[in-house]
């Protein structure tokens, strides 16, 4: 099993930045893929960004050029740097990991973009 704990959410004004961090309970070197998803009220959960063990990344179109996903194998963390935040980025953000054919999720962290 893999336990995931997110941190770094909060309230930020439009145009501001936040950095989310996801700490894994085991070495992420052995985890095939990790990602960040989000779910806004009344909407389905959507993929924001994923990063594979080899470093390949993928982003949903609405965050390209603004968000950056990275992984630190030494610290067993995956971070999401979010810049130029917009009100439509407001959601609960979840970290996930694909490990031995199972998907694991964190508990989520709230991000609110509002003036």
C-alpha atoms as a PDB file:
ATOM      1  CA  UNK A   1       0.000   0.000   0.000  1.00  0.00           C
ATOM      2  CA  UNK A   2       0.908   3.644  -0.449  1.00  0.00           C
ATOM      3  CA  UNK A   3      -0.226   6.451   1.821  1.00  0.00           C
ATOM      4  CA  UNK A   4      -0.275   9.919   0.298  1.00  0.00           C
ATOM      5  CA  UNK A   5      -0.503  13.178   2.217  1.00  0.00           C
ATOM      6  CA  UNK A   6      -1.055  16.488   0.453  1.00  0.00           C
ATOM      7  CA  UNK A   7      -0.158  19.908   1.797  1.00  0.00           C
ATOM      8  CA  UNK A   8       0.162  23.484   0.609  1.00  0.00           C
ATOM      9  CA  UNK A   9      -3.387  24.435  -0.250  1.00  0.00           C
ATOM     10  CA  UNK A  10      -5.008  27.681   0.791  1.00  0.00           C
ATOM     11  CA  UNK A  11      -6.565  30.953  -0.311  1.00  0.00           C
ATOM     12  CA  UNK A  12      -4.798  33.035  -2.941  1.00  0.00           C
ATOM     13  CA  UNK A  13      -5.726  36.012  -5.062  1.00  0.00           C
ATOM     14  CA  UNK A  14      -6.074  35.722  -8.837  1.00  0.00           C
ATOM     15  CA  UNK A  15      -2.656  35.866 -10.459  1.00  0.00           C
ATOM     16  CA  UNK A  16      -0.971  34.468  -7.360  1.00  0.00           C
ATOM     17  CA  UNK A  17       0.977  31.263  -6.826  1.00  0.00           C
ATOM     18  CA  UNK A  18       0.776  28.182  -4.627  1.00  0.00           C
ATOM     19  CA  UNK A  19       2.923  25.090  -4.329  1.00  0.00           C
ATOM     20  CA  UNK A  20       1.281  21.791  -3.438  1.00  0.00           C
ATOM     21  CA  UNK A  21       3.294  18.899  -2.100  1.00  0.00           C
ATOM     22  CA  UNK A  22       2.418  15.207  -1.896  1.00  0.00           C
ATOM     23  CA  UNK A  23       4.418  13.019   0.471  1.00  0.00           C
ATOM     24  CA  UNK A  24       4.389   9.263  -0.167  1.00  0.00           C
ATOM     25  CA  UNK A  25       4.852   6.581   2.470  1.00  0.00           C
ATOM     26  CA  UNK A  26       7.240   4.571   0.306  1.00  0.00           C
ATOM     27  CA  UNK A  27       9.973   5.320  -2.136  1.00  0.00           C
ATOM     28  CA  UNK A  28       8.424   6.862  -5.234  1.00  0.00           C
ATOM     29  CA  UNK A  29      11.209   5.431  -7.347  1.00  0.00           C
ATOM     30  CA  UNK A  30       9.091   2.259  -7.518  1.00  0.00           C
ATOM     31  CA  UNK A  31       5.863   4.096  -8.393  1.00  0.00           C
ATOM     32  CA  UNK A  32       5.080   4.049 -12.107  1.00  0.00           C
ATOM     33  CA  UNK A  33       3.079   7.240 -12.237  1.00  0.00           C
ATOM     34  CA  UNK A  34       1.999   9.980  -9.872  1.00  0.00           C
ATOM     35  CA  UNK A  35      -0.346  12.808 -10.508  1.00  0.00           C
ATOM     36  CA  UNK A  36      -2.490  15.654  -9.337  1.00  0.00           C
ATOM     37  CA  UNK A  37      -6.230  15.736  -9.920  1.00  0.00           C
ATOM     38  CA  UNK A  38      -8.834  18.264  -8.884  1.00  0.00           C
ATOM     39  CA  UNK A  39     -12.545  18.378  -8.242  1.00  0.00           C
ATOM     40  CA  UNK A  40     -14.569  21.557  -8.185  1.00  0.00           C
ATOM     41  CA  UNK A  41     -18.047  21.685  -6.601  1.00  0.00           C
ATOM     42  CA  UNK A  42     -20.602  20.050  -8.848  1.00  0.00           C
ATOM     43  CA  UNK A  43     -17.988  18.822 -11.304  1.00  0.00           C
ATOM     44  CA  UNK A  44     -16.227  15.553 -11.988  1.00  0.00           C
ATOM     45  CA  UNK A  45     -12.692  14.953 -10.831  1.00  0.00           C
ATOM     46  CA  UNK A  46     -10.235  15.812 -13.606  1.00  0.00           C
ATOM     47  CA  UNK A  47      -6.574  15.162 -14.250  1.00  0.00           C
ATOM     48  CA  UNK A  48      -4.389  18.228 -13.798  1.00  0.00           C
ATOM     49  CA  UNK A  49      -0.883  16.841 -14.293  1.00  0.00           C
ATOM     50  CA  UNK A  50       0.899  13.501 -14.203  1.00  0.00           C
ATOM     51  CA  UNK A  51       4.541  12.509 -14.087  1.00  0.00           C
ATOM     52  CA  UNK A  52       5.935   9.092 -14.941  1.00  0.00           C
ATOM     53  CA  UNK A  53       8.853   7.401 -13.245  1.00  0.00           C
ATOM     54  CA  UNK A  54      11.091   8.343 -16.176  1.00  0.00           C
ATOM     55  CA  UNK A  55      10.159  12.008 -15.832  1.00  0.00           C
ATOM     56  CA  UNK A  56       7.677  12.355 -18.692  1.00  0.00           C
ATOM     57  CA  UNK A  57       4.919  14.820 -17.835  1.00  0.00           C
ATOM     58  CA  UNK A  58       1.449  15.547 -19.137  1.00  0.00           C
ATOM     59  CA  UNK A  59      -0.892  18.433 -18.353  1.00  0.00           C
ATOM     60  CA  UNK A  60      -4.479  19.253 -19.006  1.00  0.00           C
ATOM     61  CA  UNK A  61      -4.747  22.069 -21.545  1.00  0.00           C
ATOM     62  CA  UNK A  62      -6.145  24.639 -19.132  1.00  0.00           C
ATOM     63  CA  UNK A  63      -3.007  24.610 -16.941  1.00  0.00           C
ATOM     64  CA  UNK A  64      -0.261  24.292 -19.564  1.00  0.00           C
ATOM     65  CA  UNK A  65       2.309  27.024 -19.149  1.00  0.00           C
ATOM     66  CA  UNK A  66       1.065  27.854 -15.643  1.00  0.00           C
ATOM     67  CA  UNK A  67       1.513  24.649 -13.618  1.00  0.00           C
ATOM     68  CA  UNK A  68       4.595  22.485 -13.257  1.00  0.00           C
ATOM     69  CA  UNK A  69       4.706  18.990 -11.770  1.00  0.00           C
ATOM     70  CA  UNK A  70       7.951  17.605 -10.391  1.00  0.00           C
ATOM     71  CA  UNK A  71       9.087  14.642  -8.351  1.00  0.00           C
ATOM     72  CA  UNK A  72      11.896  14.314  -5.848  1.00  0.00           C
ATOM     73  CA  UNK A  73      12.877  10.661  -5.490  1.00  0.00           C
ATOM     74  CA  UNK A  74      15.152  11.434  -2.534  1.00  0.00           C
ATOM     75  CA  UNK A  75      12.344  13.057  -0.537  1.00  0.00           C
ATOM     76  CA  UNK A  76       9.547  10.810  -1.885  1.00  0.00           C
ATOM     77  CA  UNK A  77       7.492  13.834  -2.847  1.00  0.00           C
ATOM     78  CA  UNK A  78       5.659  15.080  -5.892  1.00  0.00           C
ATOM     79  CA  UNK A  79       5.015  18.800  -6.081  1.00  0.00           C
ATOM     80  CA  UNK A  80       2.710  20.955  -8.167  1.00  0.00           C
ATOM     81  CA  UNK A  81       3.843  24.542  -8.668  1.00  0.00           C
ATOM     82  CA  UNK A  82       0.848  26.639  -9.647  1.00  0.00           C
ATOM     83  CA  UNK A  83       1.386  30.119 -11.057  1.00  0.00           C
ATOM     84  CA  UNK A  84      -0.972  32.718 -12.535  1.00  0.00           C
ATOM     85  CA  UNK A  85      -3.862  31.160 -10.673  1.00  0.00           C
ATOM     86  CA  UNK A  86      -7.399  31.839 -11.855  1.00  0.00           C
ATOM     87  CA  UNK A  87     -10.739  31.593 -10.033  1.00  0.00           C
ATOM     88  CA  UNK A  88     -11.564  28.563 -12.175  1.00  0.00           C
ATOM     89  CA  UNK A  89      -8.622  26.741 -10.580  1.00  0.00           C
ATOM     90  CA  UNK A  90     -10.577  26.650  -7.324  1.00  0.00           C
ATOM     91  CA  UNK A  91     -11.050  23.010  -6.309  1.00  0.00           C
ATOM     92  CA  UNK A  92      -9.965  20.273  -3.967  1.00  0.00           C
ATOM     93  CA  UNK A  93      -6.663  18.949  -5.280  1.00  0.00           C
ATOM     94  CA  UNK A  94      -5.812  15.275  -4.874  1.00  0.00           C
ATOM     95  CA  UNK A  95      -2.547  13.441  -5.282  1.00  0.00           C
ATOM     96  CA  UNK A  96      -2.576   9.922  -6.666  1.00  0.00           C
ATOM     97  CA  UNK A  97      -0.142   7.130  -7.344  1.00  0.00           C
ATOM     98  CA  UNK A  98      -0.225   4.075  -9.589  1.00  0.00           C
ATOM     99  CA  UNK A  99       1.621   1.302  -7.778  1.00  0.00           C
ATOM    100  CA  UNK A 100       1.506  -2.385  -8.588  1.00  0.00           C
ATOM    101  CA  UNK A 101      -1.645  -1.918 -10.669  1.00  0.00           C
ATOM    102  CA  UNK A 102      -3.531  -0.151  -7.869  1.00  0.00           C
ATOM    103  CA  UNK A 103      -4.469   3.516  -7.677  1.00  0.00           C
ATOM    104  CA  UNK A 104      -3.982   5.274  -4.364  1.00  0.00           C
ATOM    105  CA  UNK A 105      -5.370   8.684  -3.401  1.00  0.00           C
ATOM    106  CA  UNK A 106      -4.569  11.282  -0.801  1.00  0.00           C
ATOM    107  CA  UNK A 107      -7.204  13.042   1.271  1.00  0.00           C
ATOM    108  CA  UNK A 108      -7.106  16.239  -0.787  1.00  0.00           C
ATOM    109  CA  UNK A 109      -6.216  19.854  -0.114  1.00  0.00           C
ATOM    110  CA  UNK A 110      -8.424  22.861  -0.830  1.00  0.00           C
ATOM    111  CA  UNK A 111      -7.242  25.563  -3.217  1.00  0.00           C
ATOM    112  CA  UNK A 112      -9.359  28.705  -3.405  1.00  0.00           C
ATOM    113  CA  UNK A 113      -8.570  31.495  -5.844  1.00  0.00           C
ATOM    114  CA  UNK A 114     -10.533  34.594  -4.986  1.00  0.00           C
ATOM    115  CA  UNK A 115     -10.122  38.315  -4.454  1.00  0.00           C
END
